[in-house]
Amino acid sequence: MNKKYIIKENYEIESIIKTGKKSVSKYFIIYNVDNSLPYNMYCVSVSKKIGNAVTRNKQKRKVKDILMKNNIDFKKKYVIIIRKEVLNASYNELCEVLIRQIKGEK
């Protein structure tokens, strides 16, 4: 994922969580707000409860890979929080759920 698509600042992440629309599924909690830039921006967060650093980074890489391969363009900022159930899911299932959730479908 290119650096320009990543949200790093803590104050920005907190403001998205406080003011954004919330979407919850079995694997992800997603907050989003409108973005003035012509592309999406993402923050992928994983709790320490999920596992060690290697496991957490692997899950973050999976999500970032899904986001880059599917090129969703809604001009929004997203904070994606990964839940513990992700450990038992296949890549294809994660891809299907994440894309459907971002598009706003049930």
PDB file of N, CA and C in Angstrom:
ATOM      1  N   MET A   1       0.846  -1.171   0.000  1.00  0.00           N
ATOM      2  CA  MET A   1       0.000   0.000   0.000  1.00  0.00           C
ATOM      3  C   MET A   1       0.893   1.236   0.000  1.00  0.00           C
ATOM      4  N   ASN A   2       0.615   2.135  -0.890  1.00  0.00           N
ATOM      5  CA  ASN A   2       1.388   3.361  -1.011  1.00  0.00           C
ATOM      6  C   ASN A   2       1.214   4.236   0.243  1.00  0.00           C
ATOM      7  N   LYS A   3       2.256   4.935   0.652  1.00  0.00           N
ATOM      8  CA  LYS A   3       2.215   5.733   1.870  1.00  0.00           C
ATOM      9  C   LYS A   3       1.164   6.834   1.844  1.00  0.00           C
ATOM     10  N   LYS A   4       0.841   7.334   0.670  1.00  0.00           N
ATOM     11  CA  LYS A   4      -0.137   8.417   0.610  1.00  0.00           C
ATOM     12  C   LYS A   4      -1.548   7.938   0.969  1.00  0.00           C
ATOM     13  N   TYR A   5      -1.785   6.635   0.961  1.00  0.00           N
ATOM     14  CA  TYR A   5      -3.094   6.082   1.298  1.00  0.00           C
ATOM     15  C   TYR A   5      -3.241   5.729   2.783  1.00  0.00           C
ATOM     16  N   ILE A   6      -2.217   5.956   3.582  1.00  0.00           N
ATOM     17  CA  ILE A   6      -2.218   5.522   4.977  1.00  0.00           C
ATOM     18  C   ILE A   6      -2.434   6.711   5.908  1.00  0.00           C
ATOM     19  N   ILE A   7      -3.307   6.530   6.883  1.00  0.00           N
ATOM     20  CA  ILE A   7      -3.531   7.531   7.930  1.00  0.00           C
ATOM     21  C   ILE A   7      -2.648   7.153   9.108  1.00  0.00           C
ATOM     22  N   LYS A   8      -1.761   8.055   9.521  1.00  0.00           N
ATOM     23  CA  LYS A   8      -0.823   7.758  10.596  1.00  0.00           C
ATOM     24  C   LYS A   8      -1.100   8.546  11.877  1.00  0.00           C
ATOM     25  N   GLU A   9      -1.632   9.749  11.729  1.00  0.00           N
ATOM     26  CA  GLU A   9      -1.766  10.640  12.876  1.00  0.00           C
ATOM     27  C   GLU A   9      -2.877  10.183  13.820  1.00  0.00           C
ATOM     28  N   ASN A  10      -2.546  10.119  15.117  1.00  0.00           N
ATOM     29  CA  ASN A  10      -3.482   9.645  16.125  1.00  0.00           C
ATOM     30  C   ASN A  10      -4.705  10.551  16.237  1.00  0.00           C
ATOM     31  N   TYR A  11      -4.519  11.862  16.163  1.00  0.00           N
ATOM     32  CA  TYR A  11      -5.654  12.784  16.283  1.00  0.00           C
ATOM     33  C   TYR A  11      -6.633  12.594  15.123  1.00  0.00           C
ATOM     34  N   GLU A  12      -6.118  12.268  13.958  1.00  0.00           N
ATOM     35  CA  GLU A  12      -6.967  12.048  12.792  1.00  0.00           C
ATOM     36  C   GLU A  12      -7.766  10.746  12.952  1.00  0.00           C
ATOM     37  N   ILE A  13      -7.122   9.720  13.454  1.00  0.00           N
ATOM     38  CA  ILE A  13      -7.787   8.432  13.688  1.00  0.00           C
ATOM     39  C   ILE A  13      -8.891   8.594  14.729  1.00  0.00           C
ATOM     40  N   GLU A  14      -8.595   9.310  15.802  1.00  0.00           N
ATOM     41  CA  GLU A  14      -9.592   9.534  16.849  1.00  0.00           C
ATOM     42  C   GLU A  14     -10.791  10.325  16.341  1.00  0.00           C
ATOM     43  N   SER A  15     -10.543  11.321  15.496  1.00  0.00           N
ATOM     44  CA  SER A  15     -11.659  12.124  14.980  1.00  0.00           C
ATOM     45  C   SER A  15     -12.539  11.292  14.041  1.00  0.00           C
ATOM     46  N   ILE A  16     -11.939  10.387  13.279  1.00  0.00           N
ATOM     47  CA  ILE A  16     -12.725   9.511  12.403  1.00  0.00           C
ATOM     48  C   ILE A  16     -13.600   8.580  13.241  1.00  0.00           C
ATOM     49  N   ILE A  17     -13.040   8.046  14.320  1.00  0.00           N
ATOM     50  CA  ILE A  17     -13.802   7.141  15.183  1.00  0.00           C
ATOM     51  C   ILE A  17     -14.945   7.881  15.870  1.00  0.00           C
ATOM     52  N   LYS A  18     -14.709   9.111  16.296  1.00  0.00           N
ATOM     53  CA  LYS A  18     -15.745   9.879  17.002  1.00  0.00           C
ATOM     54  C   LYS A  18     -16.853  10.360  16.080  1.00  0.00           C
ATOM     55  N   THR A  19     -16.512  10.796  14.865  1.00  0.00           N
ATOM     56  CA  THR A  19     -17.505  11.426  13.997  1.00  0.00           C
ATOM     57  C   THR A  19     -17.969  10.556  12.838  1.00  0.00           C
ATOM     58  N   GLY A  20     -17.285   9.455  12.569  1.00  0.00           N
ATOM     59  CA  GLY A  20     -17.575   8.660  11.377  1.00  0.00           C
ATOM     60  C   GLY A  20     -18.730   7.705  11.530  1.00  0.00           C
ATOM     61  N   LYS A  21     -19.176   7.174  10.401  1.00  0.00           N
ATOM     62  CA  LYS A  21     -20.204   6.147  10.375  1.00  0.00           C
ATOM     63  C   LYS A  21     -19.562   4.817  10.743  1.00  0.00           C
ATOM     64  N   LYS A  22     -20.271   4.034  11.540  1.00  0.00           N
ATOM     65  CA  LYS A  22     -19.735   2.769  12.031  1.00  0.00           C
ATOM     66  C   LYS A  22     -20.431   1.606  11.348  1.00  0.00           C
ATOM     67  N   SER A  23     -19.634   0.620  10.963  1.00  0.00           N
ATOM     68  CA  SER A  23     -20.152  -0.598  10.351  1.00  0.00           C
ATOM     69  C   SER A  23     -19.471  -1.780  11.046  1.00  0.00           C
ATOM     70  N   VAL A  24     -20.267  -2.718  11.535  1.00  0.00           N
ATOM     71  CA  VAL A  24     -19.722  -3.846  12.300  1.00  0.00           C
ATOM     72  C   VAL A  24     -20.063  -5.155  11.597  1.00  0.00           C
ATOM     73  N   SER A  25     -19.068  -6.042  11.500  1.00  0.00           N
ATOM     74  CA  SER A  25     -19.297  -7.387  10.985  1.00  0.00           C
ATOM     75  C   SER A  25     -18.581  -8.373  11.908  1.00  0.00           C
ATOM     76  N   LYS A  26     -18.617  -9.624  11.540  1.00  0.00           N
ATOM     77  CA  LYS A  26     -17.978 -10.671  12.345  1.00  0.00           C
ATOM     78  C   LYS A  26     -16.465 -10.455  12.435  1.00  0.00           C
ATOM     79  N   TYR A  27     -15.851  -9.923  11.357  1.00  0.00           N
ATOM     80  CA  TYR A  27     -14.397  -9.820  11.290  1.00  0.00           C
ATOM     81  C   TYR A  27     -13.849  -8.410  11.454  1.00  0.00           C
ATOM     82  N   PHE A  28     -14.651  -7.388  11.164  1.00  0.00           N
ATOM     83  CA  PHE A  28     -14.137  -6.019  11.141  1.00  0.00           C
ATOM     84  C   PHE A  28     -15.109  -5.030  11.777  1.00  0.00           C
ATOM     85  N   ILE A  29     -14.558  -3.955  12.316  1.00  0.00           N
ATOM     86  CA  ILE A  29     -15.309  -2.766  12.681  1.00  0.00           C
ATOM     87  C   ILE A  29     -14.729  -1.653  11.812  1.00  0.00           C
ATOM     88  N   ILE A  30     -15.579  -1.005  11.028  1.00  0.00           N
ATOM     89  CA  ILE A  30     -15.096   0.006  10.099  1.00  0.00           C
ATOM     90  C   ILE A  30     -15.790   1.341  10.380  1.00  0.00           C
ATOM     91  N   TYR A  31     -14.980   2.382  10.533  1.00  0.00           N
ATOM     92  CA  TYR A  31     -15.468   3.750  10.650  1.00  0.00           C
ATOM     93  C   TYR A  31     -15.061   4.484   9.381  1.00  0.00           C
ATOM     94  N   ASN A  32     -15.949   5.363   8.862  1.00  0.00           N
ATOM     95  CA  ASN A  32     -15.571   6.123   7.682  1.00  0.00           C
ATOM     96  C   ASN A  32     -16.130   7.540   7.723  1.00  0.00           C
ATOM     97  N   VAL A  33     -15.390   8.461   7.126  1.00  0.00           N
ATOM     98  CA  VAL A  33     -15.809   9.849   6.941  1.00  0.00           C
ATOM     99  C   VAL A  33     -15.429  10.265   5.528  1.00  0.00           C
ATOM    100  N   ASP A  34     -16.062  11.331   5.045  1.00  0.00           N
ATOM    101  CA  ASP A  34     -15.734  11.831   3.715  1.00  0.00           C
ATOM    102  C   ASP A  34     -14.333  12.430   3.702  1.00  0.00           C
ATOM    103  N   ASN A  35     -13.711  12.368   2.523  1.00  0.00           N
ATOM    104  CA  ASN A  35     -12.336  12.811   2.338  1.00  0.00           C
ATOM    105  C   ASN A  35     -12.318  13.876   1.243  1.00  0.00           C
ATOM    106  N   SER A  36     -11.563  14.941   1.442  1.00  0.00           N
ATOM    107  CA  SER A  36     -11.480  15.989   0.421  1.00  0.00           C
ATOM    108  C   SER A  36     -10.498  15.624  -0.686  1.00  0.00           C
ATOM    109  N   LEU A  37      -9.705  14.591  -0.491  1.00  0.00           N
ATOM    110  CA  LEU A  37      -8.740  14.144  -1.493  1.00  0.00           C
ATOM    111  C   LEU A  37      -9.423  13.225  -2.510  1.00  0.00           C
ATOM    112  N   PRO A  38      -8.858  13.083  -3.709  1.00  0.00           N
ATOM    113  CA  PRO A  38      -9.510  12.264  -4.747  1.00  0.00           C
ATOM    114  C   PRO A  38      -9.275  10.754  -4.612  1.00  0.00           C
ATOM    115  N   TYR A  39      -8.869  10.284  -3.456  1.00  0.00           N
ATOM    116  CA  TYR A  39      -8.627   8.856  -3.245  1.00  0.00           C
ATOM    117  C   TYR A  39      -8.975   8.489  -1.810  1.00  0.00           C
ATOM    118  N   ASN A  40      -9.085   7.187  -1.542  1.00  0.00           N
ATOM    119  CA  ASN A  40      -9.358   6.694  -0.194  1.00  0.00           C
ATOM    120  C   ASN A  40      -8.087   6.701   0.642  1.00  0.00           C
ATOM    121  N   MET A  41      -8.279   6.828   1.962  1.00  0.00           N
ATOM    122  CA  MET A  41      -7.172   6.694   2.911  1.00  0.00           C
ATOM    123  C   MET A  41      -7.597   5.676   3.965  1.00  0.00           C
ATOM    124  N   TYR A  42      -6.620   4.909   4.464  1.00  0.00           N
ATOM    125  CA  TYR A  42      -6.920   3.812   5.376  1.00  0.00           C
ATOM    126  C   TYR A  42      -6.022   3.827   6.601  1.00  0.00           C
ATOM    127  N   CYS A  43      -6.575   3.326   7.703  1.00  0.00           N
ATOM    128  CA  CYS A  43      -5.810   2.997   8.896  1.00  0.00           C
ATOM    129  C   CYS A  43      -6.285   1.600   9.290  1.00  0.00           C
ATOM    130  N   VAL A  44      -5.369   0.663   9.384  1.00  0.00           N
ATOM    131  CA  VAL A  44      -5.711  -0.704   9.766  1.00  0.00           C
ATOM    132  C   VAL A  44      -5.142  -0.943  11.156  1.00  0.00           C
ATOM    133  N   SER A  45      -6.015  -1.292  12.096  1.00  0.00           N
ATOM    134  CA  SER A  45      -5.621  -1.457  13.491  1.00  0.00           C
ATOM    135  C   SER A  45      -5.909  -2.882  13.957  1.00  0.00           C
ATOM    136  N   VAL A  46      -4.969  -3.422  14.741  1.00  0.00           N
ATOM    137  CA  VAL A  46      -5.110  -4.777  15.271  1.00  0.00           C
ATOM    138  C   VAL A  46      -4.773  -4.744  16.752  1.00  0.00           C
ATOM    139  N   SER A  47      -5.624  -5.331  17.580  1.00  0.00           N
ATOM    140  CA  SER A  47      -5.410  -5.377  19.019  1.00  0.00           C
ATOM    141  C   SER A  47      -4.309  -6.368  19.387  1.00  0.00           C
ATOM    142  N   LYS A  48      -3.653  -6.120  20.493  1.00  0.00           N
ATOM    143  CA  LYS A  48      -2.624  -7.051  20.964  1.00  0.00           C
ATOM    144  C   LYS A  48      -3.222  -8.378  21.425  1.00  0.00           C
ATOM    145  N   LYS A  49      -4.537  -8.405  21.626  1.00  0.00           N
ATOM    146  CA  LYS A  49      -5.207  -9.635  22.037  1.00  0.00           C
ATOM    147  C   LYS A  49      -5.199 -10.691  20.927  1.00  0.00           C
ATOM    148  N   ILE A  50      -4.970 -10.268  19.693  1.00  0.00           N
ATOM    149  CA  ILE A  50      -5.027 -11.192  18.557  1.00  0.00           C
ATOM    150  C   ILE A  50      -3.834 -12.139  18.516  1.00  0.00           C
ATOM    151  N   GLY A  51      -2.686 -11.700  18.958  1.00  0.00           N
ATOM    152  CA  GLY A  51      -1.525 -12.580  18.940  1.00  0.00           C
ATOM    153  C   GLY A  51      -0.243 -11.787  19.020  1.00  0.00           C
ATOM    154  N   ASN A  52       0.845 -12.432  18.670  1.00  0.00           N
ATOM    155  CA  ASN A  52       2.133 -11.733  18.706  1.00  0.00           C
ATOM    156  C   ASN A  52       2.273 -10.809  17.494  1.00  0.00           C
ATOM    157  N   ALA A  53       3.366 -10.085  17.419  1.00  0.00           N
ATOM    158  CA  ALA A  53       3.572  -9.082  16.369  1.00  0.00           C
ATOM    159  C   ALA A  53       3.537  -9.696  14.973  1.00  0.00           C
ATOM    160  N   VAL A  54       4.065 -10.885  14.831  1.00  0.00           N
ATOM    161  CA  VAL A  54       4.082 -11.538  13.523  1.00  0.00           C
ATOM    162  C   VAL A  54       2.655 -11.819  13.053  1.00  0.00           C
ATOM    163  N   THR A  55       1.821 -12.325  13.935  1.00  0.00           N
ATOM    164  CA  THR A  55       0.431 -12.629  13.602  1.00  0.00           C
ATOM    165  C   THR A  55      -0.344 -11.359  13.264  1.00  0.00           C
ATOM    166  N   ARG A  56      -0.168 -10.320  14.077  1.00  0.00           N
ATOM    167  CA  ARG A  56      -0.874  -9.055  13.846  1.00  0.00           C
ATOM    168  C   ARG A  56      -0.470  -8.434  12.508  1.00  0.00           C
ATOM    169  N   ASN A  57       0.822  -8.430  12.217  1.00  0.00           N
ATOM    170  CA  ASN A  57       1.292  -7.856  10.955  1.00  0.00           C
ATOM    171  C   ASN A  57       0.795  -8.651   9.747  1.00  0.00           C
ATOM    172  N   LYS A  58       0.702  -9.964   9.902  1.00  0.00           N
ATOM    173  CA  LYS A  58       0.191 -10.798   8.810  1.00  0.00           C
ATOM    174  C   LYS A  58      -1.259 -10.443   8.506  1.00  0.00           C
ATOM    175  N   GLN A  59      -2.053 -10.239   9.540  1.00  0.00           N
ATOM    176  CA  GLN A  59      -3.459  -9.872   9.341  1.00  0.00           C
ATOM    177  C   GLN A  59      -3.579  -8.489   8.704  1.00  0.00           C
ATOM    178  N   LYS A  60      -2.734  -7.560   9.118  1.00  0.00           N
ATOM    179  CA  LYS A  60      -2.744  -6.215   8.520  1.00  0.00           C
ATOM    180  C   LYS A  60      -2.349  -6.277   7.044  1.00  0.00           C
ATOM    181  N   ARG A  61      -1.360  -7.095   6.719  1.00  0.00           N
ATOM    182  CA  ARG A  61      -0.944  -7.238   5.319  1.00  0.00           C
ATOM    183  C   ARG A  61      -2.058  -7.820   4.462  1.00  0.00           C
ATOM    184  N   LYS A  62      -2.798  -8.780   5.014  1.00  0.00           N
ATOM    185  CA  LYS A  62      -3.929  -9.365   4.278  1.00  0.00           C
ATOM    186  C   LYS A  62      -4.962  -8.296   3.940  1.00  0.00           C
ATOM    187  N   VAL A  63      -5.321  -7.498   4.927  1.00  0.00           N
ATOM    188  CA  VAL A  63      -6.341  -6.469   4.722  1.00  0.00           C
ATOM    189  C   VAL A  63      -5.854  -5.424   3.726  1.00  0.00           C
ATOM    190  N   LYS A  64      -4.618  -4.989   3.857  1.00  0.00           N
ATOM    191  CA  LYS A  64      -4.071  -3.996   2.928  1.00  0.00           C
ATOM    192  C   LYS A  64      -4.001  -4.554   1.510  1.00  0.00           C
ATOM    193  N   ASP A  65      -3.684  -5.831   1.378  1.00  0.00           N
ATOM    194  CA  ASP A  65      -3.636  -6.471   0.070  1.00  0.00           C
ATOM    195  C   ASP A  65      -5.025  -6.495  -0.570  1.00  0.00           C
ATOM    196  N   ILE A  66      -6.034  -6.827   0.212  1.00  0.00           N
ATOM    197  CA  ILE A  66      -7.410  -6.838  -0.284  1.00  0.00           C
ATOM    198  C   ILE A  66      -7.814  -5.442  -0.755  1.00  0.00           C
ATOM    199  N   LEU A  67      -7.479  -4.434   0.022  1.00  0.00           N
ATOM    200  CA  LEU A  67      -7.847  -3.060  -0.323  1.00  0.00           C
ATOM    201  C   LEU A  67      -7.168  -2.599  -1.610  1.00  0.00           C
ATOM    202  N   MET A  68      -5.911  -2.942  -1.789  1.00  0.00           N
ATOM    203  CA  MET A  68      -5.193  -2.496  -2.981  1.00  0.00           C
ATOM    204  C   MET A  68      -5.614  -3.257  -4.236  1.00  0.00           C
ATOM    205  N   LYS A  69      -5.921  -4.545  -4.104  1.00  0.00           N
ATOM    206  CA  LYS A  69      -6.317  -5.338  -5.265  1.00  0.00           C
ATOM    207  C   LYS A  69      -7.698  -4.964  -5.786  1.00  0.00           C
ATOM    208  N   ASN A  70      -8.576  -4.480  -4.914  1.00  0.00           N
ATOM    209  CA  ASN A  70      -9.955  -4.224  -5.316  1.00  0.00           C
ATOM    210  C   ASN A  70     -10.243  -2.773  -5.668  1.00  0.00           C
ATOM    211  N   ASN A  71      -9.321  -1.877  -5.452  1.00  0.00           N
ATOM    212  CA  ASN A  71      -9.399  -0.497  -5.920  1.00  0.00           C
ATOM    213  C   ASN A  71     -10.791   0.129  -5.747  1.00  0.00           C
ATOM    214  N   ILE A  72     -11.231   0.236  -4.518  1.00  0.00           N
ATOM    215  CA  ILE A  72     -12.511   0.854  -4.193  1.00  0.00           C
ATOM    216  C   ILE A  72     -12.289   2.356  -4.124  1.00  0.00           C
ATOM    217  N   ASP A  73     -13.091   3.128  -4.836  1.00  0.00           N
ATOM    218  CA  ASP A  73     -12.858   4.566  -4.899  1.00  0.00           C
ATOM    219  C   ASP A  73     -14.108   5.335  -4.487  1.00  0.00           C
ATOM    220  N   PHE A  74     -14.249   5.587  -3.186  1.00  0.00           N
ATOM    221  CA  PHE A  74     -15.376   6.355  -2.671  1.00  0.00           C
ATOM    222  C   PHE A  74     -14.947   7.713  -2.125  1.00  0.00           C
ATOM    223  N   LYS A  75     -13.648   8.024  -2.175  1.00  0.00           N
ATOM    224  CA  LYS A  75     -13.098   9.276  -1.650  1.00  0.00           C
ATOM    225  C   LYS A  75     -13.459   9.455  -0.170  1.00  0.00           C
ATOM    226  N   LYS A  76     -13.095   8.455   0.633  1.00  0.00           N
ATOM    227  CA  LYS A  76     -13.365   8.475   2.067  1.00  0.00           C
ATOM    228  C   LYS A  76     -12.119   8.083   2.844  1.00  0.00           C
ATOM    229  N   LYS A  77     -12.168   8.348   4.150  1.00  0.00           N
ATOM    230  CA  LYS A  77     -11.130   7.907   5.073  1.00  0.00           C
ATOM    231  C   LYS A  77     -11.727   6.783   5.905  1.00  0.00           C
ATOM    232  N   TYR A  78     -10.977   5.683   6.030  1.00  0.00           N
ATOM    233  CA  TYR A  78     -11.453   4.509   6.747  1.00  0.00           C
ATOM    234  C   TYR A  78     -10.515   4.152   7.897  1.00  0.00           C
ATOM    235  N   VAL A  79     -11.099   3.800   9.033  1.00  0.00           N
ATOM    236  CA  VAL A  79     -10.362   3.168  10.122  1.00  0.00           C
ATOM    237  C   VAL A  79     -10.933   1.764  10.231  1.00  0.00           C
ATOM    238  N   ILE A  80     -10.089   0.769   9.979  1.00  0.00           N
ATOM    239  CA  ILE A  80     -10.516  -0.627   9.985  1.00  0.00           C
ATOM    240  C   ILE A  80      -9.889  -1.310  11.197  1.00  0.00           C
ATOM    241  N   ILE A  81     -10.744  -1.782  12.089  1.00  0.00           N
ATOM    242  CA  ILE A  81     -10.284  -2.491  13.281  1.00  0.00           C
ATOM    243  C   ILE A  81     -10.548  -3.972  13.063  1.00  0.00           C
ATOM    244  N   ILE A  82      -9.498  -4.765  13.178  1.00  0.00           N
ATOM    245  CA  ILE A  82      -9.597  -6.203  12.923  1.00  0.00           C
ATOM    246  C   ILE A  82      -9.972  -6.917  14.219  1.00  0.00           C
ATOM    247  N   ARG A  83     -10.970  -7.792  14.129  1.00  0.00           N
ATOM    248  CA  ARG A  83     -11.427  -8.533  15.299  1.00  0.00           C
ATOM    249  C   ARG A  83     -10.761  -9.908  15.356  1.00  0.00           C
ATOM    250  N   LYS A  84     -10.865 -10.547  16.503  1.00  0.00           N
ATOM    251  CA  LYS A  84     -10.168 -11.812  16.761  1.00  0.00           C
ATOM    252  C   LYS A  84     -10.627 -12.961  15.854  1.00  0.00           C
ATOM    253  N   GLU A  85     -11.861 -12.927  15.382  1.00  0.00           N
ATOM    254  CA  GLU A  85     -12.400 -13.997  14.546  1.00  0.00           C
ATOM    255  C   GLU A  85     -11.674 -14.125  13.210  1.00  0.00           C
ATOM    256  N   VAL A  86     -10.886 -13.110  12.848  1.00  0.00           N
ATOM    257  CA  VAL A  86     -10.132 -13.123  11.587  1.00  0.00           C
ATOM    258  C   VAL A  86      -9.167 -14.306  11.539  1.00  0.00           C
ATOM    259  N   LEU A  87      -8.675 -14.731  12.678  1.00  0.00           N
ATOM    260  CA  LEU A  87      -7.685 -15.817  12.728  1.00  0.00           C
ATOM    261  C   LEU A  87      -8.229 -17.123  12.156  1.00  0.00           C
ATOM    262  N   ASN A  88      -9.548 -17.323  12.216  1.00  0.00           N
ATOM    263  CA  ASN A  88     -10.153 -18.572  11.750  1.00  0.00           C
ATOM    264  C   ASN A  88     -10.727 -18.475  10.340  1.00  0.00           C
ATOM    265  N   ALA A  89     -10.583 -17.328   9.687  1.00  0.00           N
ATOM    266  CA  ALA A  89     -11.213 -17.115   8.377  1.00  0.00           C
ATOM    267  C   ALA A  89     -10.208 -17.306   7.246  1.00  0.00           C
ATOM    268  N   SER A  90     -10.727 -17.696   6.095  1.00  0.00           N
ATOM    269  CA  SER A  90      -9.879 -17.823   4.914  1.00  0.00           C
ATOM    270  C   SER A  90      -9.717 -16.456   4.251  1.00  0.00           C
ATOM    271  N   TYR A  91      -8.726 -16.352   3.386  1.00  0.00           N
ATOM    272  CA  TYR A  91      -8.464 -15.095   2.679  1.00  0.00           C
ATOM    273  C   TYR A  91      -9.659 -14.695   1.821  1.00  0.00           C
ATOM    274  N   ASN A  92     -10.238 -15.643   1.114  1.00  0.00           N
ATOM    275  CA  ASN A  92     -11.379 -15.353   0.242  1.00  0.00           C
ATOM    276  C   ASN A  92     -12.591 -14.868   1.028  1.00  0.00           C
ATOM    277  N   GLU A  93     -12.821 -15.467   2.184  1.00  0.00           N
ATOM    278  CA  GLU A  93     -13.938 -15.044   3.027  1.00  0.00           C
ATOM    279  C   GLU A  93     -13.713 -13.625   3.545  1.00  0.00           C
ATOM    280  N   LEU A  94     -12.478 -13.328   3.972  1.00  0.00           N
ATOM    281  CA  LEU A  94     -12.153 -11.975   4.435  1.00  0.00           C
ATOM    282  C   LEU A  94     -12.348 -10.960   3.316  1.00  0.00           C
ATOM    283  N   CYS A  95     -11.907 -11.312   2.128  1.00  0.00           N
ATOM    284  CA  CYS A  95     -12.033 -10.419   0.976  1.00  0.00           C
ATOM    285  C   CYS A  95     -13.502 -10.113   0.700  1.00  0.00           C
ATOM    286  N   GLU A  96     -14.310 -11.130   0.679  1.00  0.00           N
ATOM    287  CA  GLU A  96     -15.733 -10.974   0.392  1.00  0.00           C
ATOM    288  C   GLU A  96     -16.422 -10.094   1.441  1.00  0.00           C
ATOM    289  N   VAL A  97     -16.160 -10.357   2.719  1.00  0.00           N
ATOM    290  CA  VAL A  97     -16.798  -9.607   3.800  1.00  0.00           C
ATOM    291  C   VAL A  97     -16.328  -8.157   3.821  1.00  0.00           C
ATOM    292  N   LEU A  98     -15.031  -7.934   3.673  1.00  0.00           N
ATOM    293  CA  LEU A  98     -14.492  -6.578   3.734  1.00  0.00           C
ATOM    294  C   LEU A  98     -15.011  -5.720   2.586  1.00  0.00           C
ATOM    295  N   ILE A  99     -15.018  -6.235   1.377  1.00  0.00           N
ATOM    296  CA  ILE A  99     -15.487  -5.466   0.224  1.00  0.00           C
ATOM    297  C   ILE A  99     -16.981  -5.164   0.368  1.00  0.00           C
ATOM    298  N   ARG A 100     -17.748  -6.147   0.783  1.00  0.00           N
ATOM    299  CA  ARG A 100     -19.189  -5.938   0.968  1.00  0.00           C
ATOM    300  C   ARG A 100     -19.449  -4.901   2.058  1.00  0.00           C
ATOM    301  N   GLN A 101     -18.682  -4.958   3.125  1.00  0.00           N
ATOM    302  CA  GLN A 101     -18.868  -4.026   4.232  1.00  0.00           C
ATOM    303  C   GLN A 101     -18.485  -2.593   3.841  1.00  0.00           C
ATOM    304  N   ILE A 102     -17.422  -2.438   3.091  1.00  0.00           N
ATOM    305  CA  ILE A 102     -17.003  -1.098   2.658  1.00  0.00           C
ATOM    306  C   ILE A 102     -18.009  -0.504   1.673  1.00  0.00           C
ATOM    307  N   LYS A 103     -18.560  -1.349   0.813  1.00  0.00           N
ATOM    308  CA  LYS A 103     -19.546  -0.864  -0.155  1.00  0.00           C
ATOM    309  C   LYS A 103     -20.891  -0.569   0.507  1.00  0.00           C
ATOM    310  N   GLY A 104     -21.067  -0.989   1.751  1.00  0.00           N
ATOM    311  CA  GLY A 104     -22.286  -0.683   2.480  1.00  0.00           C
ATOM    312  C   GLY A 104     -23.394  -1.688   2.302  1.00  0.00           C
ATOM    313  N   GLU A 105     -23.070  -2.857   1.793  1.00  0.00           N
ATOM    314  CA  GLU A 105     -24.079  -3.901   1.613  1.00  0.00           C
ATOM    315  C   GLU A 105     -24.123  -4.768   2.867  1.00  0.00           C
ATOM    316  N   LYS A 106     -25.212  -5.469   3.043  1.00  0.00           N
ATOM    317  CA  LYS A 106     -25.347  -6.359   4.212  1.00  0.00           C
ATOM    318  C   LYS A 106     -25.035  -7.785   3.843  1.00  0.00           C
TER     319      LYS A 106
END
